[in-house]
PDB file of N, CA and C in Angstrom:
ATOM      1  N   UNK A   1     111.937 103.364 112.900  1.00  0.00           N
ATOM      2  CA  UNK A   1     110.566 103.489 112.442  1.00  0.00           C
ATOM      3  C   UNK A   1     110.369 102.666 111.176  1.00  0.00           C
ATOM      4  N   UNK A   2     109.302 101.873 111.132  1.00  0.00           N
ATOM      5  CA  UNK A   2     109.022 101.021 109.994  1.00  0.00           C
ATOM      6  C   UNK A   2     108.425 101.849 108.860  1.00  0.00           C
ATOM      7  N   UNK A   3     108.891 101.592 107.634  1.00  0.00           N
ATOM      8  CA  UNK A   3     108.367 102.352 106.502  1.00  0.00           C
ATOM      9  C   UNK A   3     107.041 101.759 106.032  1.00  0.00           C
ATOM     10  N   UNK A   4     106.255 102.580 105.368  1.00  0.00           N
ATOM     11  CA  UNK A   4     104.961 102.152 104.843  1.00  0.00           C
ATOM     12  C   UNK A   4     105.207 101.329 103.583  1.00  0.00           C
ATOM     13  N   UNK A   5     104.567 100.152 103.457  1.00  0.00           N
ATOM     14  CA  UNK A   5     104.749  99.333 102.255  1.00  0.00           C
ATOM     15  C   UNK A   5     104.281 100.073 101.004  1.00  0.00           C
ATOM     16  N   UNK A   6     105.044  99.912  99.932  1.00  0.00           N
ATOM     17  CA  UNK A   6     104.703 100.534  98.663  1.00  0.00           C
ATOM     18  C   UNK A   6     104.307  99.430  97.685  1.00  0.00           C
ATOM     19  N   UNK A   7     103.125  99.552  97.126  1.00  0.00           N
ATOM     20  CA  UNK A   7     102.584  98.575  96.186  1.00  0.00           C
ATOM     21  C   UNK A   7     102.648  99.163  94.784  1.00  0.00           C
ATOM     22  N   UNK A   8     103.116  98.362  93.831  1.00  0.00           N
ATOM     23  CA  UNK A   8     103.112  98.760  92.429  1.00  0.00           C
ATOM     24  C   UNK A   8     101.828  98.227  91.806  1.00  0.00           C
ATOM     25  N   UNK A   9     101.017  99.129  91.260  1.00  0.00           N
ATOM     26  CA  UNK A   9      99.733  98.759  90.669  1.00  0.00           C
ATOM     27  C   UNK A   9      99.785  98.998  89.162  1.00  0.00           C
ATOM     28  N   UNK A  10      99.359  97.984  88.398  1.00  0.00           N
ATOM     29  CA  UNK A  10      99.288  98.104  86.946  1.00  0.00           C
ATOM     30  C   UNK A  10      97.820  97.989  86.554  1.00  0.00           C
ATOM     31  N   UNK A  11      97.244  99.108  86.182  1.00  0.00           N
ATOM     32  CA  UNK A  11      95.828  99.156  85.774  1.00  0.00           C
ATOM     33  C   UNK A  11      95.695 100.239  84.721  1.00  0.00           C
ATOM     34  N   UNK A  12      95.065  99.902  83.594  1.00  0.00           N
ATOM     35  CA  UNK A  12      94.977 100.874  82.507  1.00  0.00           C
ATOM     36  C   UNK A  12      93.621 101.570  82.401  1.00  0.00           C
ATOM     37  N   UNK A  13      92.667 101.231  83.239  1.00  0.00           N
ATOM     38  CA  UNK A  13      91.363 101.882  83.211  1.00  0.00           C
ATOM     39  C   UNK A  13      91.280 102.892  84.361  1.00  0.00           C
ATOM     40  N   UNK A  14      91.104 104.169  84.015  1.00  0.00           N
ATOM     41  CA  UNK A  14      91.117 105.220  85.040  1.00  0.00           C
ATOM     42  C   UNK A  14      90.102 105.026  86.170  1.00  0.00           C
ATOM     43  N   UNK A  15      88.848 104.642  85.882  1.00  0.00           N
ATOM     44  CA  UNK A  15      87.919 104.453  87.004  1.00  0.00           C
ATOM     45  C   UNK A  15      88.400 103.380  87.987  1.00  0.00           C
ATOM     46  N   UNK A  16      88.996 102.324  87.478  1.00  0.00           N
ATOM     47  CA  UNK A  16      89.518 101.270  88.347  1.00  0.00           C
ATOM     48  C   UNK A  16      90.776 101.721  89.066  1.00  0.00           C
ATOM     49  N   UNK A  17      91.582 102.569  88.422  1.00  0.00           N
ATOM     50  CA  UNK A  17      92.759 103.117  89.094  1.00  0.00           C
ATOM     51  C   UNK A  17      92.345 103.842  90.364  1.00  0.00           C
ATOM     52  N   UNK A  18      91.297 104.622  90.265  1.00  0.00           N
ATOM     53  CA  UNK A  18      90.817 105.376  91.430  1.00  0.00           C
ATOM     54  C   UNK A  18      90.333 104.461  92.542  1.00  0.00           C
ATOM     55  N   UNK A  19      89.600 103.412  92.183  1.00  0.00           N
ATOM     56  CA  UNK A  19      89.079 102.470  93.185  1.00  0.00           C
ATOM     57  C   UNK A  19      90.227 101.768  93.901  1.00  0.00           C
ATOM     58  N   UNK A  20      91.196 101.275  93.121  1.00  0.00           N
ATOM     59  CA  UNK A  20      92.338 100.565  93.709  1.00  0.00           C
ATOM     60  C   UNK A  20      93.173 101.521  94.550  1.00  0.00           C
ATOM     61  N   UNK A  21      93.408 102.720  94.045  1.00  0.00           N
ATOM     62  CA  UNK A  21      94.186 103.726  94.785  1.00  0.00           C
ATOM     63  C   UNK A  21      93.530 104.015  96.138  1.00  0.00           C
ATOM     64  N   UNK A  22      92.223 104.262  96.120  1.00  0.00           N
ATOM     65  CA  UNK A  22      91.506 104.558  97.358  1.00  0.00           C
ATOM     66  C   UNK A  22      91.568 103.395  98.343  1.00  0.00           C
ATOM     67  N   UNK A  23      91.373 102.181  97.851  1.00  0.00           N
ATOM     68  CA  UNK A  23      91.370 100.999  98.725  1.00  0.00           C
ATOM     69  C   UNK A  23      92.737 100.778  99.360  1.00  0.00           C
ATOM     70  N   UNK A  24      93.801 100.898  98.587  1.00  0.00           N
ATOM     71  CA  UNK A  24      95.141 100.679  99.135  1.00  0.00           C
ATOM     72  C   UNK A  24      95.535 101.775 100.115  1.00  0.00           C
ATOM     73  N   UNK A  25      95.222 103.012  99.780  1.00  0.00           N
ATOM     74  CA  UNK A  25      95.542 104.107 100.709  1.00  0.00           C
ATOM     75  C   UNK A  25      94.759 103.947 102.008  1.00  0.00           C
ATOM     76  N   UNK A  26      93.507 103.548 101.901  1.00  0.00           N
ATOM     77  CA  UNK A  26      92.683 103.311 103.084  1.00  0.00           C
ATOM     78  C   UNK A  26      93.268 102.170 103.933  1.00  0.00           C
ATOM     79  N   UNK A  27      93.915 101.213 103.267  1.00  0.00           N
ATOM     80  CA  UNK A  27      94.539 100.096 103.960  1.00  0.00           C
ATOM     81  C   UNK A  27      95.916 100.422 104.521  1.00  0.00           C
ATOM     82  N   UNK A  28      96.388 101.655 104.326  1.00  0.00           N
ATOM     83  CA  UNK A  28      97.663 102.069 104.898  1.00  0.00           C
ATOM     84  C   UNK A  28      98.865 101.865 103.997  1.00  0.00           C
ATOM     85  N   UNK A  29      98.626 101.644 102.704  1.00  0.00           N
ATOM     86  CA  UNK A  29      99.723 101.436 101.770  1.00  0.00           C
ATOM     87  C   UNK A  29     100.002 102.708 100.977  1.00  0.00           C
ATOM     88  N   UNK A  30     101.248 102.870 100.577  1.00  0.00           N
ATOM     89  CA  UNK A  30     101.604 103.833  99.547  1.00  0.00           C
ATOM     90  C   UNK A  30     101.582 103.057  98.243  1.00  0.00           C
ATOM     91  N   UNK A  31     101.462 103.745  97.120  1.00  0.00           N
ATOM     92  CA  UNK A  31     101.452 103.013  95.862  1.00  0.00           C
ATOM     93  C   UNK A  31     101.996 103.850  94.737  1.00  0.00           C
ATOM     94  N   UNK A  32     102.431 103.132  93.719  1.00  0.00           N
ATOM     95  CA  UNK A  32     102.807 103.715  92.447  1.00  0.00           C
ATOM     96  C   UNK A  32     101.864 103.104  91.436  1.00  0.00           C
ATOM     97  N   UNK A  33     101.205 103.933  90.634  1.00  0.00           N
ATOM     98  CA  UNK A  33     100.243 103.465  89.646  1.00  0.00           C
ATOM     99  C   UNK A  33     100.835 103.654  88.257  1.00  0.00           C
ATOM    100  N   UNK A  34     100.855 102.587  87.469  1.00  0.00           N
ATOM    101  CA  UNK A  34     101.274 102.671  86.077  1.00  0.00           C
ATOM    102  C   UNK A  34     100.193 102.024  85.224  1.00  0.00           C
ATOM    103  N   UNK A  35     100.188 102.360  83.922  1.00  0.00           N
ATOM    104  CA  UNK A  35      99.137 101.879  83.042  1.00  0.00           C
ATOM    105  C   UNK A  35      99.597 100.787  82.086  1.00  0.00           C
ATOM    106  N   UNK A  36     100.878 100.432  82.110  1.00  0.00           N
ATOM    107  CA  UNK A  36     101.346  99.400  81.175  1.00  0.00           C
ATOM    108  C   UNK A  36     102.302  98.427  81.853  1.00  0.00           C
ATOM    109  N   UNK A  37     102.354  97.247  81.295  1.00  0.00           N
ATOM    110  CA  UNK A  37     103.254  96.223  81.809  1.00  0.00           C
ATOM    111  C   UNK A  37     104.707  96.607  81.669  1.00  0.00           C
ATOM    112  N   UNK A  38     105.038  97.234  80.562  1.00  0.00           N
ATOM    113  CA  UNK A  38     106.433  97.631  80.345  1.00  0.00           C
ATOM    114  C   UNK A  38     106.880  98.637  81.407  1.00  0.00           C
ATOM    115  N   UNK A  39     106.012  99.584  81.738  1.00  0.00           N
ATOM    116  CA  UNK A  39     106.329 100.544  82.805  1.00  0.00           C
ATOM    117  C   UNK A  39     106.551  99.816  84.128  1.00  0.00           C
ATOM    118  N   UNK A  40     105.688  98.851  84.422  1.00  0.00           N
ATOM    119  CA  UNK A  40     105.776  98.124  85.691  1.00  0.00           C
ATOM    120  C   UNK A  40     107.088  97.369  85.801  1.00  0.00           C
ATOM    121  N   UNK A  41     107.449  96.646  84.761  1.00  0.00           N
ATOM    122  CA  UNK A  41     108.698  95.880  84.790  1.00  0.00           C
ATOM    123  C   UNK A  41     109.896  96.820  84.917  1.00  0.00           C
ATOM    124  N   UNK A  42     109.870  97.946  84.216  1.00  0.00           N
ATOM    125  CA  UNK A  42     110.963  98.923  84.321  1.00  0.00           C
ATOM    126  C   UNK A  42     111.073  99.469  85.745  1.00  0.00           C
ATOM    127  N   UNK A  43     109.938  99.711  86.385  1.00  0.00           N
ATOM    128  CA  UNK A  43     109.950 100.234  87.763  1.00  0.00           C
ATOM    129  C   UNK A  43     110.578  99.207  88.710  1.00  0.00           C
ATOM    130  N   UNK A  44     110.210  97.948  88.572  1.00  0.00           N
ATOM    131  CA  UNK A  44     110.766  96.892  89.430  1.00  0.00           C
ATOM    132  C   UNK A  44     112.261  96.730  89.164  1.00  0.00           C
ATOM    133  N   UNK A  45     112.623  96.662  87.880  1.00  0.00           N
ATOM    134  CA  UNK A  45     114.025  96.444  87.516  1.00  0.00           C
ATOM    135  C   UNK A  45     114.926  97.593  87.963  1.00  0.00           C
ATOM    136  N   UNK A  46     114.405  98.811  87.978  1.00  0.00           N
ATOM    137  CA  UNK A  46     115.234  99.969  88.324  1.00  0.00           C
ATOM    138  C   UNK A  46     115.741  99.887  89.761  1.00  0.00           C
ATOM    139  N   UNK A  47     114.952  99.302  90.657  1.00  0.00           N
ATOM    140  CA  UNK A  47     115.358  99.190  92.050  1.00  0.00           C
ATOM    141  C   UNK A  47     115.325 100.508  92.811  1.00  0.00           C
ATOM    142  N   UNK A  48     114.838 101.578  92.188  1.00  0.00           N
ATOM    143  CA  UNK A  48     114.795 102.888  92.839  1.00  0.00           C
ATOM    144  C   UNK A  48     113.859 102.848  94.042  1.00  0.00           C
ATOM    145  N   UNK A  49     112.717 102.179  93.882  1.00  0.00           N
ATOM    146  CA  UNK A  49     111.754 102.020  94.969  1.00  0.00           C
ATOM    147  C   UNK A  49     111.713 100.548  95.336  1.00  0.00           C
ATOM    148  N   UNK A  50     111.684 100.245  96.613  1.00  0.00           N
ATOM    149  CA  UNK A  50     111.571  98.863  97.090  1.00  0.00           C
ATOM    150  C   UNK A  50     110.076  98.558  97.255  1.00  0.00           C
ATOM    151  N   UNK A  51     109.503  97.930  96.234  1.00  0.00           N
ATOM    152  CA  UNK A  51     108.073  97.611  96.271  1.00  0.00           C
ATOM    153  C   UNK A  51     107.830  96.390  97.150  1.00  0.00           C
ATOM    154  N   UNK A  52     106.680  96.407  97.818  1.00  0.00           N
ATOM    155  CA  UNK A  52     106.305  95.309  98.708  1.00  0.00           C
ATOM    156  C   UNK A  52     105.421  94.285  98.009  1.00  0.00           C
ATOM    157  N   UNK A  53     104.750  94.684  96.926  1.00  0.00           N
ATOM    158  CA  UNK A  53     103.851  93.783  96.207  1.00  0.00           C
ATOM    159  C   UNK A  53     103.505  94.380  94.849  1.00  0.00           C
ATOM    160  N   UNK A  54     103.007  93.518  93.982  1.00  0.00           N
ATOM    161  CA  UNK A  54     102.512  93.917  92.669  1.00  0.00           C
ATOM    162  C   UNK A  54     101.036  93.571  92.597  1.00  0.00           C
ATOM    163  N   UNK A  55     100.226  94.548  92.163  1.00  0.00           N
ATOM    164  CA  UNK A  55      98.811  94.312  91.869  1.00  0.00           C
ATOM    165  C   UNK A  55      98.665  94.606  90.382  1.00  0.00           C
ATOM    166  N   UNK A  56      98.309  93.587  89.591  1.00  0.00           N
ATOM    167  CA  UNK A  56      98.287  93.757  88.136  1.00  0.00           C
ATOM    168  C   UNK A  56      96.961  93.322  87.532  1.00  0.00           C
ATOM    169  N   UNK A  57      96.395  94.205  86.731  1.00  0.00           N
ATOM    170  CA  UNK A  57      95.259  93.828  85.906  1.00  0.00           C
ATOM    171  C   UNK A  57      95.783  92.816  84.889  1.00  0.00           C
ATOM    172  N   UNK A  58      94.988  91.830  84.557  1.00  0.00           N
ATOM    173  CA  UNK A  58      95.428  90.803  83.614  1.00  0.00           C
ATOM    174  C   UNK A  58      95.314  91.302  82.175  1.00  0.00           C
ATOM    175  N   UNK A  59      94.180  91.863  81.810  1.00  0.00           N
ATOM    176  CA  UNK A  59      93.944  92.295  80.431  1.00  0.00           C
ATOM    177  C   UNK A  59      94.229  93.778  80.282  1.00  0.00           C
ATOM    178  N   UNK A  60      95.461  94.061  79.902  1.00  0.00           N
ATOM    179  CA  UNK A  60      95.915  95.440  79.717  1.00  0.00           C
ATOM    180  C   UNK A  60      95.971  95.780  78.239  1.00  0.00           C
ATOM    181  N   UNK A  61      95.859  97.059  77.924  1.00  0.00           N
ATOM    182  CA  UNK A  61      96.085  97.490  76.545  1.00  0.00           C
ATOM    183  C   UNK A  61      97.570  97.314  76.268  1.00  0.00           C
ATOM    184  N   UNK A  62      97.904  96.984  75.045  1.00  0.00           N
ATOM    185  CA  UNK A  62      99.304  96.776  74.712  1.00  0.00           C
ATOM    186  C   UNK A  62      99.629  95.295  74.631  1.00  0.00           C
ATOM    187  N   UNK A  63     100.884  95.012  74.444  1.00  0.00           N
ATOM    188  CA  UNK A  63     101.302  93.633  74.182  1.00  0.00           C
ATOM    189  C   UNK A  63     101.496  92.786  75.440  1.00  0.00           C
ATOM    190  N   UNK A  64     101.695  93.398  76.580  1.00  0.00           N
ATOM    191  CA  UNK A  64     102.008  92.652  77.794  1.00  0.00           C
ATOM    192  C   UNK A  64     100.769  92.495  78.668  1.00  0.00           C
ATOM    193  N   UNK A  65     100.495  91.258  79.052  1.00  0.00           N
ATOM    194  CA  UNK A  65      99.380  90.947  79.944  1.00  0.00           C
ATOM    195  C   UNK A  65      99.878  90.843  81.381  1.00  0.00           C
ATOM    196  N   UNK A  66      98.982  90.932  82.316  1.00  0.00           N
ATOM    197  CA  UNK A  66      99.339  90.821  83.730  1.00  0.00           C
ATOM    198  C   UNK A  66     100.028  89.512  84.069  1.00  0.00           C
ATOM    199  N   UNK A  67      99.614  88.427  83.397  1.00  0.00           N
ATOM    200  CA  UNK A  67     100.260  87.127  83.659  1.00  0.00           C
ATOM    201  C   UNK A  67     101.761  87.229  83.401  1.00  0.00           C
ATOM    202  N   UNK A  68     102.116  87.851  82.274  1.00  0.00           N
ATOM    203  CA  UNK A  68     103.525  87.981  81.890  1.00  0.00           C
ATOM    204  C   UNK A  68     104.287  88.877  82.868  1.00  0.00           C
ATOM    205  N   UNK A  69     103.645  89.944  83.315  1.00  0.00           N
ATOM    206  CA  UNK A  69     104.291  90.831  84.285  1.00  0.00           C
ATOM    207  C   UNK A  69     104.627  90.045  85.548  1.00  0.00           C
ATOM    208  N   UNK A  70     103.671  89.263  86.025  1.00  0.00           N
ATOM    209  CA  UNK A  70     103.904  88.448  87.221  1.00  0.00           C
ATOM    210  C   UNK A  70     105.074  87.503  87.047  1.00  0.00           C
ATOM    211  N   UNK A  71     105.149  86.843  85.886  1.00  0.00           N
ATOM    212  CA  UNK A  71     106.263  85.906  85.640  1.00  0.00           C
ATOM    213  C   UNK A  71     107.607  86.641  85.610  1.00  0.00           C
ATOM    214  N   UNK A  72     107.652  87.807  84.958  1.00  0.00           N
ATOM    215  CA  UNK A  72     108.907  88.567  84.891  1.00  0.00           C
ATOM    216  C   UNK A  72     109.341  89.057  86.268  1.00  0.00           C
ATOM    217  N   UNK A  73     108.384  89.537  87.057  1.00  0.00           N
ATOM    218  CA  UNK A  73     108.718  90.004  88.405  1.00  0.00           C
ATOM    219  C   UNK A  73     109.218  88.843  89.255  1.00  0.00           C
ATOM    220  N   UNK A  74     108.618  87.681  89.109  1.00  0.00           N
ATOM    221  CA  UNK A  74     109.066  86.513  89.881  1.00  0.00           C
ATOM    222  C   UNK A  74     110.447  86.020  89.439  1.00  0.00           C
ATOM    223  N   UNK A  75     110.858  86.315  88.213  1.00  0.00           N
ATOM    224  CA  UNK A  75     112.229  85.991  87.806  1.00  0.00           C
ATOM    225  C   UNK A  75     113.221  86.869  88.564  1.00  0.00           C
ATOM    226  N   UNK A  76     112.826  88.086  88.847  1.00  0.00           N
ATOM    227  CA  UNK A  76     113.674  89.010  89.597  1.00  0.00           C
ATOM    228  C   UNK A  76     113.690  88.639  91.076  1.00  0.00           C
ATOM    229  N   UNK A  77     112.515  88.338  91.631  1.00  0.00           N
ATOM    230  CA  UNK A  77     112.378  87.975  93.044  1.00  0.00           C
ATOM    231  C   UNK A  77     111.349  86.846  93.154  1.00  0.00           C
ATOM    232  N   UNK A  78     111.800  85.600  93.321  1.00  0.00           N
ATOM    233  CA  UNK A  78     110.901  84.446  93.330  1.00  0.00           C
ATOM    234  C   UNK A  78     109.826  84.461  94.416  1.00  0.00           C
ATOM    235  N   UNK A  79     109.989  85.252  95.450  1.00  0.00           N
ATOM    236  CA  UNK A  79     109.004  85.290  96.538  1.00  0.00           C
ATOM    237  C   UNK A  79     108.143  86.553  96.510  1.00  0.00           C
ATOM    238  N   UNK A  80     108.257  87.357  95.468  1.00  0.00           N
ATOM    239  CA  UNK A  80     107.557  88.639  95.414  1.00  0.00           C
ATOM    240  C   UNK A  80     106.045  88.421  95.422  1.00  0.00           C
ATOM    241  N   UNK A  81     105.310  89.110  96.308  1.00  0.00           N
ATOM    242  CA  UNK A  81     103.845  88.967  96.360  1.00  0.00           C
ATOM    243  C   UNK A  81     103.172  89.537  95.106  1.00  0.00           C
ATOM    244  N   UNK A  82     102.297  88.731  94.504  1.00  0.00           N
ATOM    245  CA  UNK A  82     101.591  89.113  93.283  1.00  0.00           C
ATOM    246  C   UNK A  82     100.087  88.959  93.499  1.00  0.00           C
ATOM    247  N   UNK A  83      99.354  90.005  93.139  1.00  0.00           N
ATOM    248  CA  UNK A  83      97.895  89.965  93.154  1.00  0.00           C
ATOM    249  C   UNK A  83      97.430  90.316  91.738  1.00  0.00           C
ATOM    250  N   UNK A  84      96.665  89.405  91.133  1.00  0.00           N
ATOM    251  CA  UNK A  84      96.092  89.662  89.812  1.00  0.00           C
ATOM    252  C   UNK A  84      94.664  90.158  89.978  1.00  0.00           C
ATOM    253  N   UNK A  85      94.225  91.025  89.056  1.00  0.00           N
ATOM    254  CA  UNK A  85      92.842  91.476  89.008  1.00  0.00           C
ATOM    255  C   UNK A  85      92.304  91.188  87.612  1.00  0.00           C
ATOM    256  N   UNK A  86      91.138  90.578  87.545  1.00  0.00           N
ATOM    257  CA  UNK A  86      90.531  90.315  86.243  1.00  0.00           C
ATOM    258  C   UNK A  86      89.059  90.004  86.400  1.00  0.00           C
ATOM    259  N   UNK A  87      88.355  90.159  85.324  1.00  0.00           N
ATOM    260  CA  UNK A  87      86.972  89.728  85.263  1.00  0.00           C
ATOM    261  C   UNK A  87      86.891  88.564  84.293  1.00  0.00           C
ATOM    262  N   UNK A  88      87.216  88.837  83.048  1.00  0.00           N
ATOM    263  CA  UNK A  88      87.049  87.862  81.979  1.00  0.00           C
ATOM    264  C   UNK A  88      88.047  86.712  82.021  1.00  0.00           C
ATOM    265  N   UNK A  89      89.237  86.921  82.569  1.00  0.00           N
ATOM    266  CA  UNK A  89      90.282  85.895  82.506  1.00  0.00           C
ATOM    267  C   UNK A  89      90.451  85.107  83.805  1.00  0.00           C
ATOM    268  N   UNK A  90      89.492  85.185  84.695  1.00  0.00           N
ATOM    269  CA  UNK A  90      89.624  84.515  85.997  1.00  0.00           C
ATOM    270  C   UNK A  90      89.839  83.010  85.871  1.00  0.00           C
ATOM    271  N   UNK A  91      89.210  82.393  84.896  1.00  0.00           N
ATOM    272  CA  UNK A  91      89.350  80.940  84.729  1.00  0.00           C
ATOM    273  C   UNK A  91      90.753  80.526  84.301  1.00  0.00           C
ATOM    274  N   UNK A  92      91.552  81.477  83.800  1.00  0.00           N
ATOM    275  CA  UNK A  92      92.917  81.177  83.352  1.00  0.00           C
ATOM    276  C   UNK A  92      93.941  81.235  84.479  1.00  0.00           C
ATOM    277  N   UNK A  93      93.541  81.720  85.636  1.00  0.00           N
ATOM    278  CA  UNK A  93      94.482  81.898  86.735  1.00  0.00           C
ATOM    279  C   UNK A  93      95.241  80.628  87.122  1.00  0.00           C
ATOM    280  N   UNK A  94      94.575  79.469  87.256  1.00  0.00           N
ATOM    281  CA  UNK A  94      95.338  78.281  87.656  1.00  0.00           C
ATOM    282  C   UNK A  94      96.467  77.921  86.684  1.00  0.00           C
ATOM    283  N   UNK A  95      96.276  78.191  85.403  1.00  0.00           N
ATOM    284  CA  UNK A  95      97.310  77.833  84.430  1.00  0.00           C
ATOM    285  C   UNK A  95      98.248  78.984  84.090  1.00  0.00           C
ATOM    286  N   UNK A  96      97.802  80.220  84.220  1.00  0.00           N
ATOM    287  CA  UNK A  96      98.600  81.382  83.820  1.00  0.00           C
ATOM    288  C   UNK A  96      99.250  82.129  84.976  1.00  0.00           C
ATOM    289  N   UNK A  97      98.630  82.109  86.138  1.00  0.00           N
ATOM    290  CA  UNK A  97      99.160  82.842  87.282  1.00  0.00           C
ATOM    291  C   UNK A  97     100.386  82.183  87.867  1.00  0.00           C
ATOM    292  N   UNK A  98     101.227  82.970  88.507  1.00  0.00           N
ATOM    293  CA  UNK A  98     102.413  82.407  89.159  1.00  0.00           C
ATOM    294  C   UNK A  98     101.983  81.718  90.456  1.00  0.00           C
ATOM    295  N   UNK A  99     102.756  80.716  90.909  1.00  0.00           N
ATOM    296  CA  UNK A  99     102.416  80.042  92.169  1.00  0.00           C
ATOM    297  C   UNK A  99     102.378  81.027  93.340  1.00  0.00           C
ATOM    298  N   UNK A 100     101.526  80.724  94.296  1.00  0.00           N
ATOM    299  CA  UNK A 100     101.379  81.543  95.510  1.00  0.00           C
ATOM    300  C   UNK A 100     100.967  82.980  95.211  1.00  0.00           C
ATOM    301  N   UNK A 101     100.174  83.155  94.163  1.00  0.00           N
ATOM    302  CA  UNK A 101      99.612  84.470  93.854  1.00  0.00           C
ATOM    303  C   UNK A 101      98.157  84.493  94.311  1.00  0.00           C
ATOM    304  N   UNK A 102      97.564  85.672  94.221  1.00  0.00           N
ATOM    305  CA  UNK A 102      96.168  85.859  94.611  1.00  0.00           C
ATOM    306  C   UNK A 102      95.419  86.427  93.408  1.00  0.00           C
ATOM    307  N   UNK A 103      94.164  86.046  93.263  1.00  0.00           N
ATOM    308  CA  UNK A 103      93.329  86.587  92.199  1.00  0.00           C
ATOM    309  C   UNK A 103      92.142  87.319  92.809  1.00  0.00           C
ATOM    310  N   UNK A 104      91.953  88.575  92.401  1.00  0.00           N
ATOM    311  CA  UNK A 104      90.764  89.342  92.753  1.00  0.00           C
ATOM    312  C   UNK A 104      89.909  89.431  91.499  1.00  0.00           C
ATOM    313  N   UNK A 105      88.710  88.899  91.585  1.00  0.00           N
ATOM    314  CA  UNK A 105      87.837  88.910  90.412  1.00  0.00           C
ATOM    315  C   UNK A 105      87.027  90.198  90.378  1.00  0.00           C
ATOM    316  N   UNK A 106      87.136  90.908  89.254  1.00  0.00           N
ATOM    317  CA  UNK A 106      86.383  92.139  89.054  1.00  0.00           C
ATOM    318  C   UNK A 106      84.940  91.781  88.747  1.00  0.00           C
ATOM    319  N   UNK A 107      84.042  92.570  89.273  1.00  0.00           N
ATOM    320  CA  UNK A 107      82.640  92.418  89.000  1.00  0.00           C
ATOM    321  C   UNK A 107      82.205  93.643  88.222  1.00  0.00           C
ATOM    322  N   UNK A 108      81.999  93.511  86.948  1.00  0.00           N
ATOM    323  CA  UNK A 108      81.705  94.658  86.073  1.00  0.00           C
ATOM    324  C   UNK A 108      80.427  95.387  86.459  1.00  0.00           C
ATOM    325  N   UNK A 109      79.467  94.700  87.002  1.00  0.00           N
ATOM    326  CA  UNK A 109      78.212  95.380  87.325  1.00  0.00           C
ATOM    327  C   UNK A 109      78.344  96.221  88.591  1.00  0.00           C
ATOM    328  N   UNK A 110      79.278  95.834  89.459  1.00  0.00           N
ATOM    329  CA  UNK A 110      79.532  96.593  90.685  1.00  0.00           C
ATOM    330  C   UNK A 110      81.031  96.700  90.864  1.00  0.00           C
ATOM    331  N   UNK A 111      81.667  97.636  90.168  1.00  0.00           N
ATOM    332  CA  UNK A 111      83.113  97.732  90.157  1.00  0.00           C
ATOM    333  C   UNK A 111      83.712  98.005  91.522  1.00  0.00           C
ATOM    334  N   UNK A 112      82.952  98.453  92.469  1.00  0.00           N
ATOM    335  CA  UNK A 112      83.503  98.708  93.802  1.00  0.00           C
ATOM    336  C   UNK A 112      83.758  97.419  94.570  1.00  0.00           C
ATOM    337  N   UNK A 113      83.396  96.287  94.014  1.00  0.00           N
ATOM    338  CA  UNK A 113      83.572  95.023  94.731  1.00  0.00           C
ATOM    339  C   UNK A 113      84.793  94.260  94.268  1.00  0.00           C
ATOM    340  N   UNK A 114      85.878  94.954  93.975  1.00  0.00           N
ATOM    341  CA  UNK A 114      87.112  94.293  93.563  1.00  0.00           C
ATOM    342  C   UNK A 114      87.427  93.225  94.512  1.00  0.00           C
TER     343      UNK A 114
END
């Protein structure tokens, strides 16, 4: 029996956590939600859970941005699927995002349109 993919989500805004959680569960994914980059990197490095992808907000509270999380995760696994979420930093994706990543642009006026 094939296991359900587990996605690691890094989002520090509770309303957006709920939207992302609902969308991924509706899509048939399991997920782990963390609010900081340091937590996310520790979860990946621990190897306790075999994550299938990373979904990371770019502008997080704290010192670590989503761009950095993506780069660190790709050092661990160069082919790891990365999805960035941002509103304000979308123009930085070509220079800051890791190759073969995806960007979902947040729409602040209609947050349900991630």
